[in-house]
Amino acid sequence: MFSSMSNKVLIDTYFNAVNLKLDEDFIKLLEEEIVRRGIQLDKVERMV
């Protein structure tokens, strides 16, 4: 579903979804894609 998104767009979308308190199922889908790609959110949060 999100495979065509770049990592940056995926991470930006994730943080925006969390900040806007969007649907938890949508956020969970984003988290699953982030994990699938092996991106570590704790390291990304420090970079933002």
C-alpha atoms as a PDB file:
ATOM      1  CA  MET A   1       0.000   0.000   0.000  1.00  0.00           C
ATOM      2  CA  PHE A   2       2.736   2.472   0.951  1.00  0.00           C
ATOM      3  CA  SER A   3       5.531   0.841  -1.018  1.00  0.00           C
ATOM      4  CA  SER A   4       5.714   3.671  -3.562  1.00  0.00           C
ATOM      5  CA  MET A   5       6.351   6.285  -0.833  1.00  0.00           C
ATOM      6  CA  SER A   6       9.894   7.353  -0.107  1.00  0.00           C
ATOM      7  CA  ASN A   7      11.155   6.816   3.435  1.00  0.00           C
ATOM      8  CA  LYS A   8      11.043  10.565   4.069  1.00  0.00           C
ATOM      9  CA  VAL A   9       7.434  10.887   2.927  1.00  0.00           C
ATOM     10  CA  LEU A  10       6.484   7.828   4.987  1.00  0.00           C
ATOM     11  CA  ILE A  11       8.094   9.223   8.145  1.00  0.00           C
ATOM     12  CA  ASP A  12       6.619  12.697   7.582  1.00  0.00           C
ATOM     13  CA  THR A  13       3.191  11.163   7.047  1.00  0.00           C
ATOM     14  CA  TYR A  14       3.535   9.100  10.204  1.00  0.00           C
ATOM     15  CA  PHE A  15       4.486  12.049  12.413  1.00  0.00           C
ATOM     16  CA  ASN A  16       1.772  14.235  10.884  1.00  0.00           C
ATOM     17  CA  ALA A  17      -0.818  11.510  11.468  1.00  0.00           C
ATOM     18  CA  VAL A  18       0.240  11.178  15.104  1.00  0.00           C
ATOM     19  CA  ASN A  19       0.256  14.960  15.666  1.00  0.00           C
ATOM     20  CA  LEU A  20      -3.171  15.323  14.054  1.00  0.00           C
ATOM     21  CA  LYS A  21      -4.491  12.355  16.041  1.00  0.00           C
ATOM     22  CA  LEU A  22      -5.744  10.604  12.920  1.00  0.00           C
ATOM     23  CA  ASP A  23      -7.350   7.173  12.971  1.00  0.00           C
ATOM     24  CA  GLU A  24      -5.340   4.658  14.995  1.00  0.00           C
ATOM     25  CA  ASP A  25      -5.715   1.999  12.300  1.00  0.00           C
ATOM     26  CA  PHE A  26      -4.123   4.338   9.741  1.00  0.00           C
ATOM     27  CA  ILE A  27      -1.247   5.095  12.106  1.00  0.00           C
ATOM     28  CA  LYS A  28      -0.813   1.363  12.730  1.00  0.00           C
ATOM     29  CA  LEU A  29      -0.558   0.730   8.971  1.00  0.00           C
ATOM     30  CA  LEU A  30       2.137   3.391   8.722  1.00  0.00           C
ATOM     31  CA  GLU A  31       3.992   1.865  11.687  1.00  0.00           C
ATOM     32  CA  GLU A  32       3.857  -1.575  10.085  1.00  0.00           C
ATOM     33  CA  GLU A  33       5.389  -0.217   6.865  1.00  0.00           C
ATOM     34  CA  ILE A  34       8.077   1.592   8.855  1.00  0.00           C
ATOM     35  CA  VAL A  35       8.958  -1.651  10.661  1.00  0.00           C
ATOM     36  CA  ARG A  36       8.883  -3.593   7.376  1.00  0.00           C
ATOM     37  CA  ARG A  37      11.471  -1.184   5.975  1.00  0.00           C
ATOM     38  CA  GLY A  38      13.646  -1.526   9.061  1.00  0.00           C
ATOM     39  CA  ILE A  39      13.394   2.152   9.995  1.00  0.00           C
ATOM     40  CA  GLN A  40      13.917   2.837  13.686  1.00  0.00           C
ATOM     41  CA  LEU A  41      11.518   5.554  14.801  1.00  0.00           C
ATOM     42  CA  ASP A  42      13.435   6.395  17.962  1.00  0.00           C
ATOM     43  CA  LYS A  43      16.445   7.431  15.850  1.00  0.00           C
ATOM     44  CA  VAL A  44      14.273   9.345  13.376  1.00  0.00           C
ATOM     45  CA  GLU A  45      12.533  11.287  16.182  1.00  0.00           C
ATOM     46  CA  ARG A  46      15.873  12.659  17.326  1.00  0.00           C
ATOM     47  CA  MET A  47      16.657  13.832  13.795  1.00  0.00           C
ATOM     48  CA  VAL A  48      13.370  15.708  13.316  1.00  0.00           C
END
